[in-house]
Amino acid sequence: MNRIMLTSATSLRQLQLKVDTHAHNLSNLNTAGFKRREATFQDLLTQQIYNQPHPGQEAGRLTPYGVRIGHGVRISQTTLRPEQGGVLVTERPLDFMIEGPHAWFRLGHTAVGEAGVEAGEVVYTRDGHFQLAPHPELDGLVRVVAADGSPLLAADGGQITFPAHYDTIELREDGTLLAYPAQTPQESVEYNLAVAYIDRPDQLVAIGDNRFRWPGDAADIELINLVEQEPGGRTIRLRQGALETSNVDLAQEMTQVMATQRLMQLQARSISIADDMMGLANSIRA
């Protein structure tokens, strides 16, 4: 009975983590560019019992030969699902959307290390809701940044900056970004907005605000120049005036939550039954 109670308690803790995962997905139902997560389970240690009597001895309990007794389950990992989300048309010039899975915007981010020293790094997001902010070092210039002020990076790793009086921004499907005054379009500033292609998004580490860090070498990430895409290869395009919605399916997530709650009820019932059996055993009198 102790084994049953421990196994059920272990499974209950892990099932609660699965509920938390689906609750996190549901809470980001309306977050632009959000990618849902799935909890993957694996069995804990199992024991196989061969209950056979020795020669000359009476048979013991009628336990099936080779019965396997488990010790519950645990969540091995939560997998990031990269499926394409829907399209939310905003007609806003600084709303960009990636059409195609596994591609990510690159943002400059300042991280504080263990020694308290600030260091720059590249983080990745599918949230294409950008805005203009004054350049902190260059007067009269603005740069394209995310909501937290992290600058959007061009193909060469530099920031996208242009004079503050440039009031027109144009983004083409091939990643070419133009900024120019409406009255004099010939004075345009051009950038190439390459995207990062991450074939294993489950390796990304979430750092908050719908942003991710690559734990390995940055050289392992392929930088795709959309202008140079070969016919028949990957089809990745950028779209202006639209945002990618989350790929969370409300019906699917609610179904998973209800199914997990049923499993939790079953595990809780197992603890109750084991407690009743222990009570009966303790109440036996010789």
Protein backbone atom coordinates (compact mmCIF):
# COMPACT_ATOMS: atom_id res chain seq x y z
CA MET A 1 0.00 0.00 0.00
CA ASN A 2 2.87 2.38 0.73
CA ARG A 3 4.13 1.80 -2.81
CA ILE A 4 0.70 2.67 -4.21
CA MET A 5 0.48 5.87 -2.21
CA LEU A 6 3.97 7.01 -3.19
CA THR A 7 3.36 6.20 -6.86
CA SER A 8 0.07 8.08 -6.90
CA ALA A 9 1.55 11.09 -5.09
CA THR A 10 4.42 11.26 -7.59
CA SER A 11 2.02 11.05 -10.54
CA LEU A 12 -0.21 13.74 -9.02
CA ARG A 13 2.68 16.20 -8.82
CA GLN A 14 3.59 15.61 -12.46
CA LEU A 15 -0.02 15.85 -13.64
CA GLN A 16 -0.23 19.22 -11.90
CA LEU A 17 2.74 20.38 -14.00
CA LYS A 18 0.87 19.27 -17.12
CA VAL A 19 -2.17 21.31 -16.05
CA ASP A 20 0.14 24.29 -15.47
CA THR A 21 1.53 23.89 -19.00
CA HIS A 22 -1.93 23.99 -20.57
CA ALA A 23 -2.94 26.89 -18.33
CA HIS A 24 0.13 28.80 -19.58
CA ASN A 25 -0.95 28.11 -23.16
CA LEU A 26 -4.48 29.32 -22.47
CA SER A 27 -3.26 32.50 -20.77
CA ASN A 28 -1.35 33.38 -23.96
CA LEU A 29 -4.22 32.68 -26.32
CA ASN A 30 -4.16 36.27 -27.60
CA THR A 31 -0.38 36.81 -27.44
CA ALA A 32 1.07 37.60 -30.86
CA GLY A 33 3.54 35.00 -32.11
CA PHE A 34 3.12 32.73 -29.07
CA LYS A 35 3.98 29.05 -29.54
CA ARG A 36 2.23 26.51 -27.36
CA ARG A 37 4.00 23.82 -25.35
CA GLU A 38 3.21 20.15 -24.88
CA ALA A 39 4.20 18.10 -21.83
CA THR A 40 5.92 14.78 -22.60
CA PHE A 41 5.76 12.00 -20.00
CA GLN A 42 8.03 9.05 -19.33
CA ASP A 43 7.78 6.14 -16.91
CA LEU A 44 9.83 6.05 -13.77
CA LEU A 45 11.60 2.91 -12.53
CA THR A 46 9.60 -0.30 -12.97
CA GLN A 47 10.09 -3.58 -11.13
CA GLN A 48 9.28 -6.99 -12.59
CA ILE A 49 8.33 -9.65 -10.04
CA TYR A 50 8.69 -13.37 -10.75
CA ASN A 51 6.57 -14.99 -8.04
CA GLN A 52 7.43 -18.69 -8.40
CA PRO A 53 7.76 -21.18 -5.52
CA HIS A 54 10.97 -23.06 -4.90
CA PRO A 55 10.98 -26.85 -5.36
CA GLY A 56 9.31 -28.60 -2.41
CA GLN A 57 7.53 -25.44 -1.23
CA GLU A 58 3.90 -24.59 -1.38
CA ALA A 59 2.74 -22.02 -3.89
CA GLY A 60 2.65 -18.48 -2.60
CA ARG A 61 0.25 -15.77 -3.66
CA LEU A 62 -1.42 -16.24 -7.02
CA THR A 63 0.37 -13.24 -8.49
CA PRO A 64 0.76 -13.44 -12.29
CA TYR A 65 4.21 -14.49 -13.37
CA GLY A 66 6.39 -11.54 -14.38
CA VAL A 67 4.02 -8.80 -13.18
CA ARG A 68 5.47 -5.31 -13.62
CA ILE A 69 5.05 -2.73 -10.88
CA GLY A 70 5.72 0.89 -11.75
CA HIS A 71 6.65 3.87 -9.65
CA GLY A 72 4.66 6.54 -11.46
CA VAL A 73 5.59 8.95 -14.24
CA ARG A 74 7.35 12.26 -14.64
CA ILE A 75 7.45 15.00 -17.23
CA SER A 76 10.61 14.51 -19.26
CA GLN A 77 10.30 17.80 -21.14
CA THR A 78 7.87 20.41 -22.42
CA THR A 79 8.13 20.63 -26.20
CA LEU A 80 7.72 23.93 -28.04
CA ARG A 81 5.39 23.46 -31.01
CA PRO A 82 6.44 25.61 -34.03
CA GLU A 83 3.25 25.33 -36.10
CA GLN A 84 2.17 28.47 -37.93
CA GLY A 85 -0.39 30.65 -36.19
CA GLY A 86 -3.22 32.59 -37.78
CA VAL A 87 -3.15 36.02 -39.42
CA LEU A 88 -4.34 39.18 -37.70
CA VAL A 89 -4.48 42.06 -40.19
CA THR A 90 -3.75 45.38 -38.45
CA GLU A 91 -2.68 47.65 -41.36
CA ARG A 92 -0.07 49.08 -38.98
CA PRO A 93 3.26 49.74 -40.77
CA LEU A 94 5.39 48.44 -37.90
CA ASP A 95 3.52 45.15 -37.50
CA PHE A 96 5.55 42.42 -39.21
CA MET A 97 4.66 38.77 -39.62
CA ILE A 98 6.72 35.73 -40.61
CA GLU A 99 4.96 33.30 -42.94
CA GLY A 100 6.61 29.92 -42.51
CA PRO A 101 7.57 27.78 -39.51
CA HIS A 102 10.97 27.61 -37.76
CA ALA A 103 11.88 31.21 -38.69
CA TRP A 104 12.39 33.85 -35.99
CA PHE A 105 13.04 37.57 -35.68
CA ARG A 106 16.40 38.48 -34.14
CA LEU A 107 16.55 41.02 -31.32
CA GLY A 108 19.47 42.58 -29.53
CA HIS A 109 19.30 41.97 -25.81
CA THR A 110 21.44 43.05 -22.87
CA ALA A 111 21.87 40.29 -20.30
CA VAL A 112 23.45 40.54 -16.86
CA GLY A 113 25.86 37.69 -16.10
CA GLU A 114 26.59 35.98 -12.81
CA ALA A 115 29.35 38.48 -12.02
CA GLY A 116 26.96 41.39 -12.58
CA VAL A 117 28.56 42.34 -15.90
CA GLU A 118 26.26 43.33 -18.76
CA ALA A 119 26.79 41.58 -22.09
CA GLY A 120 24.94 41.75 -25.38
CA GLU A 121 23.32 38.71 -26.94
CA VAL A 122 20.84 37.79 -29.66
CA VAL A 123 17.39 36.55 -28.66
CA TYR A 124 14.59 35.25 -30.84
CA THR A 125 10.87 35.91 -31.08
CA ARG A 126 7.90 35.46 -33.40
CA ASP A 127 6.17 38.55 -32.04
CA GLY A 128 6.37 41.12 -34.83
CA HIS A 129 4.78 44.05 -32.99
CA PHE A 130 7.48 46.74 -33.27
CA GLN A 131 7.67 50.47 -32.72
CA LEU A 132 10.04 53.40 -33.13
CA ALA A 133 12.16 54.74 -30.28
CA PRO A 134 14.82 57.47 -30.17
CA HIS A 135 18.33 56.16 -30.49
CA PRO A 136 19.99 56.34 -27.06
CA GLU A 137 23.35 57.49 -28.46
CA LEU A 138 22.65 59.26 -31.76
CA ASP A 139 20.57 62.44 -31.72
CA GLY A 140 18.00 62.84 -34.45
CA LEU A 141 17.82 59.12 -35.23
CA VAL A 142 15.24 56.51 -34.31
CA ARG A 143 15.45 52.74 -34.32
CA VAL A 144 12.98 49.86 -34.67
CA VAL A 145 12.52 48.16 -31.30
CA ALA A 146 10.27 45.62 -29.58
CA ALA A 147 7.94 46.49 -26.71
CA ASP A 148 10.72 46.24 -24.10
CA GLY A 149 13.14 48.39 -26.12
CA SER A 150 15.19 45.53 -27.60
CA PRO A 151 16.31 46.61 -31.10
CA LEU A 152 15.38 44.59 -34.17
CA LEU A 153 18.54 43.36 -35.91
CA ALA A 154 19.26 43.45 -39.63
CA ALA A 155 21.09 40.75 -41.58
CA ASP A 156 24.50 42.21 -40.74
CA GLY A 157 23.70 42.21 -37.02
CA GLY A 158 23.29 45.98 -36.85
CA GLN A 159 20.32 47.95 -35.63
CA ILE A 160 17.74 49.41 -38.00
CA THR A 161 18.11 53.17 -37.64
CA PHE A 162 17.09 56.16 -39.75
CA PRO A 163 16.35 59.88 -39.31
CA ALA A 164 13.39 60.69 -37.10
CA HIS A 165 11.59 62.66 -39.81
CA TYR A 166 11.33 59.59 -42.06
CA ASP A 167 7.62 58.86 -41.78
CA THR A 168 7.16 56.00 -44.24
CA ILE A 169 8.27 52.40 -43.65
CA GLU A 170 7.92 49.70 -46.28
CA LEU A 171 8.65 45.99 -45.78
CA ARG A 172 8.73 43.66 -48.76
CA GLU A 173 8.22 39.91 -48.79
CA ASP A 174 11.92 39.30 -49.41
CA GLY A 175 12.89 41.08 -46.19
CA THR A 176 13.90 44.39 -47.76
CA LEU A 177 12.97 47.21 -45.39
CA LEU A 178 12.82 50.79 -46.69
CA ALA A 179 12.41 53.98 -44.66
CA TYR A 180 11.97 57.35 -46.34
CA PRO A 181 10.10 60.69 -46.09
CA ALA A 182 6.77 60.62 -47.88
CA GLN A 183 7.61 63.78 -49.83
CA THR A 184 11.06 62.60 -50.99
CA PRO A 185 11.03 58.80 -51.37
CA GLN A 186 14.34 58.92 -53.25
CA GLU A 187 16.10 59.60 -49.93
CA SER A 188 15.35 56.11 -48.66
CA VAL A 189 17.40 54.03 -46.25
CA GLU A 190 17.46 50.30 -47.05
CA TYR A 191 18.04 47.32 -44.76
CA ASN A 192 17.95 43.58 -45.31
CA LEU A 193 15.84 41.93 -42.61
CA ALA A 194 17.15 38.34 -42.55
CA VAL A 195 15.53 35.82 -40.20
CA ALA A 196 17.00 33.01 -38.12
CA TYR A 197 16.03 29.46 -39.06
CA ILE A 198 15.95 27.15 -36.00
CA ASP A 199 15.30 23.54 -36.91
CA ARG A 200 15.09 22.41 -33.26
CA PRO A 201 12.91 25.00 -31.51
CA ASP A 202 12.47 22.66 -28.52
CA GLN A 203 16.08 23.52 -27.60
CA LEU A 204 15.24 27.20 -27.11
CA VAL A 205 15.24 28.54 -23.56
CA ALA A 206 12.42 30.91 -22.63
CA ILE A 207 13.57 34.13 -20.97
CA GLY A 208 10.15 35.81 -20.67
CA ASP A 209 8.18 38.30 -22.74
CA ASN A 210 7.74 35.72 -25.52
CA ARG A 211 11.50 35.69 -26.20
CA PHE A 212 13.97 32.83 -26.34
CA ARG A 213 17.68 32.27 -26.02
CA TRP A 214 19.69 29.66 -27.93
CA PRO A 215 21.71 27.66 -25.36
CA GLY A 216 24.37 26.44 -27.80
CA ASP A 217 26.71 28.10 -30.22
CA ALA A 218 25.10 30.90 -32.23
CA ALA A 219 26.94 29.57 -35.30
CA ASP A 220 24.60 26.56 -35.25
CA ILE A 221 21.67 28.80 -36.24
CA GLU A 222 21.15 29.35 -39.94
CA LEU A 223 20.60 32.95 -41.00
CA ILE A 224 18.27 33.07 -44.00
CA ASN A 225 18.57 35.90 -46.49
CA LEU A 226 15.08 35.94 -47.97
CA VAL A 227 16.32 37.62 -51.14
CA GLU A 228 18.53 34.62 -51.90
CA GLN A 229 15.95 31.87 -51.31
CA GLU A 230 16.20 29.19 -53.99
CA PRO A 231 13.08 28.01 -55.83
CA GLY A 232 11.75 24.77 -54.41
CA GLY A 233 13.47 25.28 -51.05
CA ARG A 234 12.08 26.73 -47.88
CA THR A 235 9.30 29.24 -48.48
CA ILE A 236 9.55 31.97 -45.88
CA ARG A 237 8.09 35.40 -46.43
CA LEU A 238 7.59 38.56 -44.42
CA ARG A 239 4.32 40.42 -44.36
CA GLN A 240 3.72 44.02 -43.31
CA GLY A 241 0.58 45.26 -41.59
CA ALA A 242 -0.25 41.91 -39.97
CA LEU A 243 0.62 39.89 -36.88
CA GLU A 244 0.84 36.16 -36.33
CA THR A 245 -1.62 35.01 -33.71
CA SER A 246 -0.78 32.26 -31.22
CA ASN A 247 -1.05 28.66 -32.38
CA VAL A 248 -3.06 27.72 -29.27
CA ASP A 249 -6.28 25.82 -30.00
CA LEU A 250 -8.77 26.70 -27.25
CA ALA A 251 -10.84 23.54 -27.67
CA GLN A 252 -7.80 21.27 -27.67
CA GLU A 253 -6.26 22.89 -24.59
CA MET A 254 -9.51 22.73 -22.62
CA THR A 255 -9.94 19.08 -23.58
CA GLN A 256 -6.42 18.31 -22.35
CA VAL A 257 -7.06 20.15 -19.07
CA MET A 258 -10.27 18.19 -18.41
CA ALA A 259 -8.63 14.87 -19.30
CA THR A 260 -5.71 15.62 -17.01
CA GLN A 261 -8.05 16.56 -14.18
CA ARG A 262 -9.77 13.19 -14.59
CA LEU A 263 -6.41 11.47 -14.28
CA MET A 264 -5.69 13.47 -11.15
CA GLN A 265 -8.99 12.34 -9.68
CA LEU A 266 -8.06 8.72 -10.43
CA GLN A 267 -4.68 9.09 -8.75
CA ALA A 268 -6.28 10.74 -5.73
CA ARG A 269 -8.76 7.88 -5.55
CA SER A 270 -5.85 5.42 -5.57
CA ILE A 271 -4.43 7.11 -2.48
CA SER A 272 -7.83 6.90 -0.80
CA ILE A 273 -8.20 3.20 -1.60
CA ALA A 274 -4.68 2.43 -0.36
CA ASP A 275 -5.46 4.26 2.88
CA ASP A 276 -8.64 2.21 3.34
CA MET A 277 -6.72 -1.02 2.75
CA MET A 278 -4.09 -0.04 5.32
CA GLY A 279 -6.85 0.70 7.78
CA LEU A 280 -8.39 -2.73 7.25
CA ALA A 281 -5.01 -4.41 7.69
CA ASN A 282 -4.34 -2.54 10.92
CA SER A 283 -7.77 -3.43 12.29
CA ILE A 284 -7.24 -7.20 11.92
CA ARG A 285 -7.07 -8.99 15.27
CA ALA A 286 -5.46 -12.36 15.76
